[in-house]
Amino acid sequence: VPGAAPVARAPYRLAPSGMKDLSEQLKELSDKGFIRPSSSPWGAPVLFVNKKDGSFRMCIDYRELNKLTVKNRYPLLRIDDLFDQVQGSRVYSKIDLRSGYHQLRVREEDVPKTAFRTRYGHYEFQFMPFRLTKAPTVFMDLMNQDEKEHEEHLKAILELLKKEEL
């Protein structure tokens, strides 16, 4: 919502083991250039969720920011519609983009809104973080923009896989 007052929350309390994970994940995100130190008036707290392998994923609690966000109305595909489209096919392929959201740069004027607070400091994302209300629709919109370009990228990936005999 344009003109909304910045929302800032104190960091959540984390167990000592969570503090170690937090430090490591902040360093990794910083080393990759996904986050940077922030002086933004915005600030969401951090929490951890369990991953299937028993490790923890750092998540930013953007619920307050998401309440202020004007929602995209881009229609996400329904899984049953996708199944209808592939019905009768014998071969299926899936490409999982590793950290797909982190491939999308956040507009500079929106970077301060992605700020989050931790016991180790105040940071902001330069690339799309998880848990923002618009992230799935922005990502899907980008993936669906140009079918010809998508086919060219898919062909290049398949040629590389063939070359490497994978």
C-alpha atoms as a PDB file:
ATOM      1  CA  VAL A   1       0.000   0.000   0.000  1.00  0.00           C
ATOM      2  CA  PRO A   2       1.649   3.260  -1.080  1.00  0.00           C
ATOM      3  CA  GLY A   3       2.440   5.565   1.831  1.00  0.00           C
ATOM      4  CA  ALA A   4       2.066   2.866   4.496  1.00  0.00           C
ATOM      5  CA  ALA A   5       4.111   3.374   7.639  1.00  0.00           C
ATOM      6  CA  PRO A   6       7.067   0.972   7.901  1.00  0.00           C
ATOM      7  CA  VAL A   7       6.476  -2.104  10.028  1.00  0.00           C
ATOM      8  CA  ALA A   8       9.297  -3.153  12.331  1.00  0.00           C
ATOM      9  CA  ARG A   9       9.238  -6.017  14.827  1.00  0.00           C
ATOM     10  CA  ALA A  10      11.806  -7.099  17.390  1.00  0.00           C
ATOM     11  CA  PRO A  11      13.715 -10.308  16.623  1.00  0.00           C
ATOM     12  CA  TYR A  12      12.198 -13.534  17.911  1.00  0.00           C
ATOM     13  CA  ARG A  13      14.059 -15.443  20.593  1.00  0.00           C
ATOM     14  CA  LEU A  14      16.011 -18.381  19.168  1.00  0.00           C
ATOM     15  CA  ALA A  15      17.501 -21.425  20.884  1.00  0.00           C
ATOM     16  CA  PRO A  16      21.326 -21.447  21.092  1.00  0.00           C
ATOM     17  CA  SER A  17      21.466 -24.052  18.296  1.00  0.00           C
ATOM     18  CA  GLY A  18      19.323 -21.740  16.164  1.00  0.00           C
ATOM     19  CA  MET A  19      21.753 -18.882  16.734  1.00  0.00           C
ATOM     20  CA  LYS A  20      24.559 -20.961  15.214  1.00  0.00           C
ATOM     21  CA  ASP A  21      22.397 -21.833  12.186  1.00  0.00           C
ATOM     22  CA  LEU A  22      21.365 -18.196  11.873  1.00  0.00           C
ATOM     23  CA  SER A  23      24.973 -17.015  11.854  1.00  0.00           C
ATOM     24  CA  GLU A  24      25.937 -19.579   9.196  1.00  0.00           C
ATOM     25  CA  GLN A  25      22.944 -18.834   6.956  1.00  0.00           C
ATOM     26  CA  LEU A  26      23.449 -15.064   7.218  1.00  0.00           C
ATOM     27  CA  LYS A  27      27.083 -15.505   6.198  1.00  0.00           C
ATOM     28  CA  GLU A  28      26.112 -17.703   3.234  1.00  0.00           C
ATOM     29  CA  LEU A  29      23.414 -15.280   2.025  1.00  0.00           C
ATOM     30  CA  SER A  30      25.803 -12.358   2.442  1.00  0.00           C
ATOM     31  CA  ASP A  31      28.692 -14.131   0.681  1.00  0.00           C
ATOM     32  CA  LYS A  32      26.396 -14.884  -2.279  1.00  0.00           C
ATOM     33  CA  GLY A  33      25.289 -11.249  -2.425  1.00  0.00           C
ATOM     34  CA  PHE A  34      21.632 -12.054  -1.693  1.00  0.00           C
ATOM     35  CA  ILE A  35      21.530  -9.829   1.414  1.00  0.00           C
ATOM     36  CA  ARG A  36      23.336  -6.726   2.639  1.00  0.00           C
ATOM     37  CA  PRO A  37      23.401  -4.751   5.904  1.00  0.00           C
ATOM     38  CA  SER A  38      20.405  -2.442   6.259  1.00  0.00           C
ATOM     39  CA  SER A  39      19.429   0.791   7.954  1.00  0.00           C
ATOM     40  CA  SER A  40      15.828   0.515   6.748  1.00  0.00           C
ATOM     41  CA  PRO A  41      12.968   1.526   9.061  1.00  0.00           C
ATOM     42  CA  TRP A  42      11.300  -1.758   8.020  1.00  0.00           C
ATOM     43  CA  GLY A  43      12.239  -4.959   9.823  1.00  0.00           C
ATOM     44  CA  ALA A  44      10.664  -8.396  10.064  1.00  0.00           C
ATOM     45  CA  PRO A  45      11.728 -11.077  12.566  1.00  0.00           C
ATOM     46  CA  VAL A  46      13.431 -14.349  11.629  1.00  0.00           C
ATOM     47  CA  LEU A  47      12.269 -17.865  12.478  1.00  0.00           C
ATOM     48  CA  PHE A  48      13.377 -21.360  11.542  1.00  0.00           C
ATOM     49  CA  VAL A  49      11.422 -24.227  10.014  1.00  0.00           C
ATOM     50  CA  ASN A  50      12.530 -27.854   9.879  1.00  0.00           C
ATOM     51  CA  LYS A  51      13.571 -29.218   6.503  1.00  0.00           C
ATOM     52  CA  LYS A  52      13.012 -32.849   5.499  1.00  0.00           C
ATOM     53  CA  ASP A  53      16.701 -33.633   6.011  1.00  0.00           C
ATOM     54  CA  GLY A  54      16.564 -32.452   9.649  1.00  0.00           C
ATOM     55  CA  SER A  55      18.350 -29.164   9.036  1.00  0.00           C
ATOM     56  CA  PHE A  56      16.728 -25.769   9.478  1.00  0.00           C
ATOM     57  CA  ARG A  57      15.659 -23.187   6.917  1.00  0.00           C
ATOM     58  CA  MET A  58      15.779 -19.547   7.919  1.00  0.00           C
ATOM     59  CA  CYS A  59      12.472 -17.831   7.142  1.00  0.00           C
ATOM     60  CA  ILE A  60      11.553 -14.200   7.463  1.00  0.00           C
ATOM     61  CA  ASP A  61       8.163 -13.520   9.045  1.00  0.00           C
ATOM     62  CA  TYR A  62       6.767 -11.093   6.464  1.00  0.00           C
ATOM     63  CA  ARG A  63       3.136 -11.437   7.620  1.00  0.00           C
ATOM     64  CA  GLU A  64       2.870  -7.762   8.626  1.00  0.00           C
ATOM     65  CA  LEU A  65       4.445  -6.568   5.360  1.00  0.00           C
ATOM     66  CA  ASN A  66       2.216  -8.933   3.368  1.00  0.00           C
ATOM     67  CA  LYS A  67      -0.887  -7.374   4.974  1.00  0.00           C
ATOM     68  CA  LEU A  68       0.180  -4.012   3.493  1.00  0.00           C
ATOM     69  CA  THR A  69       1.042  -5.389   0.058  1.00  0.00           C
ATOM     70  CA  VAL A  70      -1.266  -4.875  -2.909  1.00  0.00           C
ATOM     71  CA  LYS A  71      -1.754  -8.414  -4.213  1.00  0.00           C
ATOM     72  CA  ASN A  72      -1.071  -9.440  -7.799  1.00  0.00           C
ATOM     73  CA  ARG A  73      -4.002 -11.001  -9.550  1.00  0.00           C
ATOM     74  CA  TYR A  74      -1.868 -13.126 -11.859  1.00  0.00           C
ATOM     75  CA  PRO A  75      -3.585 -16.530 -11.968  1.00  0.00           C
ATOM     76  CA  LEU A  76      -1.389 -19.312 -10.634  1.00  0.00           C
ATOM     77  CA  LEU A  77      -1.857 -22.576 -12.482  1.00  0.00           C
ATOM     78  CA  ARG A  78      -3.994 -25.183 -10.782  1.00  0.00           C
ATOM     79  CA  ILE A  79      -2.331 -28.551 -10.307  1.00  0.00           C
ATOM     80  CA  ASP A  80      -5.368 -30.436 -11.645  1.00  0.00           C
ATOM     81  CA  ASP A  81      -5.249 -28.328 -14.844  1.00  0.00           C
ATOM     82  CA  LEU A  82      -1.583 -29.216 -15.245  1.00  0.00           C
ATOM     83  CA  PHE A  83      -2.383 -32.909 -14.836  1.00  0.00           C
ATOM     84  CA  ASP A  84      -5.080 -32.575 -17.505  1.00  0.00           C
ATOM     85  CA  GLN A  85      -2.501 -31.090 -19.894  1.00  0.00           C
ATOM     86  CA  VAL A  86      -0.085 -34.008 -19.529  1.00  0.00           C
ATOM     87  CA  GLN A  87      -2.719 -36.750 -19.499  1.00  0.00           C
ATOM     88  CA  GLY A  88      -1.759 -39.525 -21.887  1.00  0.00           C
ATOM     89  CA  SER A  89       1.923 -38.592 -21.963  1.00  0.00           C
ATOM     90  CA  ARG A  90       4.444 -41.352 -21.374  1.00  0.00           C
ATOM     91  CA  VAL A  91       7.530 -39.265 -20.615  1.00  0.00           C
ATOM     92  CA  TYR A  92       7.725 -36.361 -18.165  1.00  0.00           C
ATOM     93  CA  SER A  93      10.565 -33.981 -17.381  1.00  0.00           C
ATOM     94  CA  LYS A  94      10.933 -31.573 -14.521  1.00  0.00           C
ATOM     95  CA  ILE A  95      13.557 -28.911 -14.002  1.00  0.00           C
ATOM     96  CA  ASP A  96      13.884 -27.608 -10.465  1.00  0.00           C
ATOM     97  CA  LEU A  97      15.460 -24.162 -10.396  1.00  0.00           C
ATOM     98  CA  ARG A  98      17.696 -24.119  -7.343  1.00  0.00           C
ATOM     99  CA  SER A  99      16.661 -21.204  -5.138  1.00  0.00           C
ATOM    100  CA  GLY A 100      14.514 -19.900  -7.979  1.00  0.00           C
ATOM    101  CA  TYR A 101      13.368 -16.769  -6.180  1.00  0.00           C
ATOM    102  CA  HIS A 102      16.987 -15.845  -5.510  1.00  0.00           C
ATOM    103  CA  GLN A 103      17.439 -15.490  -9.282  1.00  0.00           C
ATOM    104  CA  LEU A 104      15.159 -12.424  -9.282  1.00  0.00           C
ATOM    105  CA  ARG A 105      16.581  -9.045  -8.273  1.00  0.00           C
ATOM    106  CA  VAL A 106      14.343  -6.850  -6.085  1.00  0.00           C
ATOM    107  CA  ARG A 107      13.788  -3.324  -7.412  1.00  0.00           C
ATOM    108  CA  GLU A 108      16.126  -0.988  -5.527  1.00  0.00           C
ATOM    109  CA  GLU A 109      13.234   1.129  -4.203  1.00  0.00           C
ATOM    110  CA  ASP A 110      11.650  -2.021  -2.697  1.00  0.00           C
ATOM    111  CA  VAL A 111      14.823  -3.468  -1.146  1.00  0.00           C
ATOM    112  CA  PRO A 112      14.340  -1.616   2.205  1.00  0.00           C
ATOM    113  CA  LYS A 113      10.917  -3.284   2.634  1.00  0.00           C
ATOM    114  CA  THR A 114      12.590  -6.715   2.653  1.00  0.00           C
ATOM    115  CA  ALA A 115      14.605  -5.800   5.763  1.00  0.00           C
ATOM    116  CA  PHE A 116      14.765  -8.263   8.623  1.00  0.00           C
ATOM    117  CA  ARG A 117      16.178  -8.058  12.132  1.00  0.00           C
ATOM    118  CA  THR A 118      18.322 -10.587  13.911  1.00  0.00           C
ATOM    119  CA  ARG A 119      20.491 -10.644  17.017  1.00  0.00           C
ATOM    120  CA  TYR A 120      23.428 -10.361  14.606  1.00  0.00           C
ATOM    121  CA  GLY A 121      22.189  -7.260  12.827  1.00  0.00           C
ATOM    122  CA  HIS A 122      19.707  -5.727  10.426  1.00  0.00           C
ATOM    123  CA  TYR A 123      19.777  -6.952   6.800  1.00  0.00           C
ATOM    124  CA  GLU A 124      17.804  -6.565   3.578  1.00  0.00           C
ATOM    125  CA  PHE A 125      17.424  -8.753   0.508  1.00  0.00           C
ATOM    126  CA  GLN A 126      18.720  -7.650  -2.876  1.00  0.00           C
ATOM    127  CA  PHE A 127      17.125 -10.730  -4.454  1.00  0.00           C
ATOM    128  CA  MET A 128      13.594 -12.053  -3.984  1.00  0.00           C
ATOM    129  CA  PRO A 129      13.198 -13.715  -0.582  1.00  0.00           C
ATOM    130  CA  PHE A 130      10.752 -16.500   0.212  1.00  0.00           C
ATOM    131  CA  ARG A 131       7.471 -15.747   2.012  1.00  0.00           C
ATOM    132  CA  LEU A 132       6.672 -12.439   0.300  1.00  0.00           C
ATOM    133  CA  THR A 133       3.055 -12.520  -0.828  1.00  0.00           C
ATOM    134  CA  LYS A 134       3.916 -11.503  -4.399  1.00  0.00           C
ATOM    135  CA  ALA A 135       6.887 -13.845  -4.857  1.00  0.00           C
ATOM    136  CA  PRO A 136       5.034 -16.811  -6.440  1.00  0.00           C
ATOM    137  CA  THR A 137       3.116 -14.676  -8.934  1.00  0.00           C
ATOM    138  CA  VAL A 138       6.152 -12.568  -9.886  1.00  0.00           C
ATOM    139  CA  PHE A 139       8.159 -15.758 -10.432  1.00  0.00           C
ATOM    140  CA  MET A 140       5.407 -17.452 -12.481  1.00  0.00           C
ATOM    141  CA  ASP A 141       4.873 -14.312 -14.544  1.00  0.00           C
ATOM    142  CA  LEU A 142       8.565 -14.223 -15.400  1.00  0.00           C
ATOM    143  CA  MET A 143       8.643 -17.926 -16.276  1.00  0.00           C
ATOM    144  CA  ASN A 144       5.604 -17.572 -18.550  1.00  0.00           C
ATOM    145  CA  GLN A 145       6.493 -14.311 -20.334  1.00  0.00           C
ATOM    146  CA  ASP A 146       7.993 -15.635 -23.541  1.00  0.00           C
ATOM    147  CA  GLU A 147       7.295 -19.188 -24.708  1.00  0.00           C
ATOM    148  CA  LYS A 148       9.872 -19.031 -27.533  1.00  0.00           C
ATOM    149  CA  GLU A 149      12.603 -17.869 -25.152  1.00  0.00           C
ATOM    150  CA  HIS A 150      11.566 -20.632 -22.720  1.00  0.00           C
ATOM    151  CA  GLU A 151      11.921 -23.235 -25.488  1.00  0.00           C
ATOM    152  CA  GLU A 152      15.387 -21.886 -26.387  1.00  0.00           C
ATOM    153  CA  HIS A 153      16.508 -22.091 -22.753  1.00  0.00           C
ATOM    154  CA  LEU A 154      15.083 -25.597 -22.402  1.00  0.00           C
ATOM    155  CA  LYS A 155      16.875 -26.698 -25.588  1.00  0.00           C
ATOM    156  CA  ALA A 156      20.181 -25.260 -24.310  1.00  0.00           C
ATOM    157  CA  ILE A 157      19.785 -27.105 -20.992  1.00  0.00           C
ATOM    158  CA  LEU A 158      18.967 -30.398 -22.705  1.00  0.00           C
ATOM    159  CA  GLU A 159      21.953 -30.024 -25.068  1.00  0.00           C
ATOM    160  CA  LEU A 160      24.250 -29.406 -22.105  1.00  0.00           C
ATOM    161  CA  LEU A 161      22.876 -32.467 -20.299  1.00  0.00           C
ATOM    162  CA  LYS A 162      23.382 -34.562 -23.445  1.00  0.00           C
ATOM    163  CA  LYS A 163      26.946 -33.255 -23.898  1.00  0.00           C
ATOM    164  CA  GLU A 164      27.768 -34.181 -20.300  1.00  0.00           C
ATOM    165  CA  GLU A 165      26.066 -37.584 -20.811  1.00  0.00           C
ATOM    166  CA  LEU A 166      23.641 -37.019 -17.941  1.00  0.00           C
END
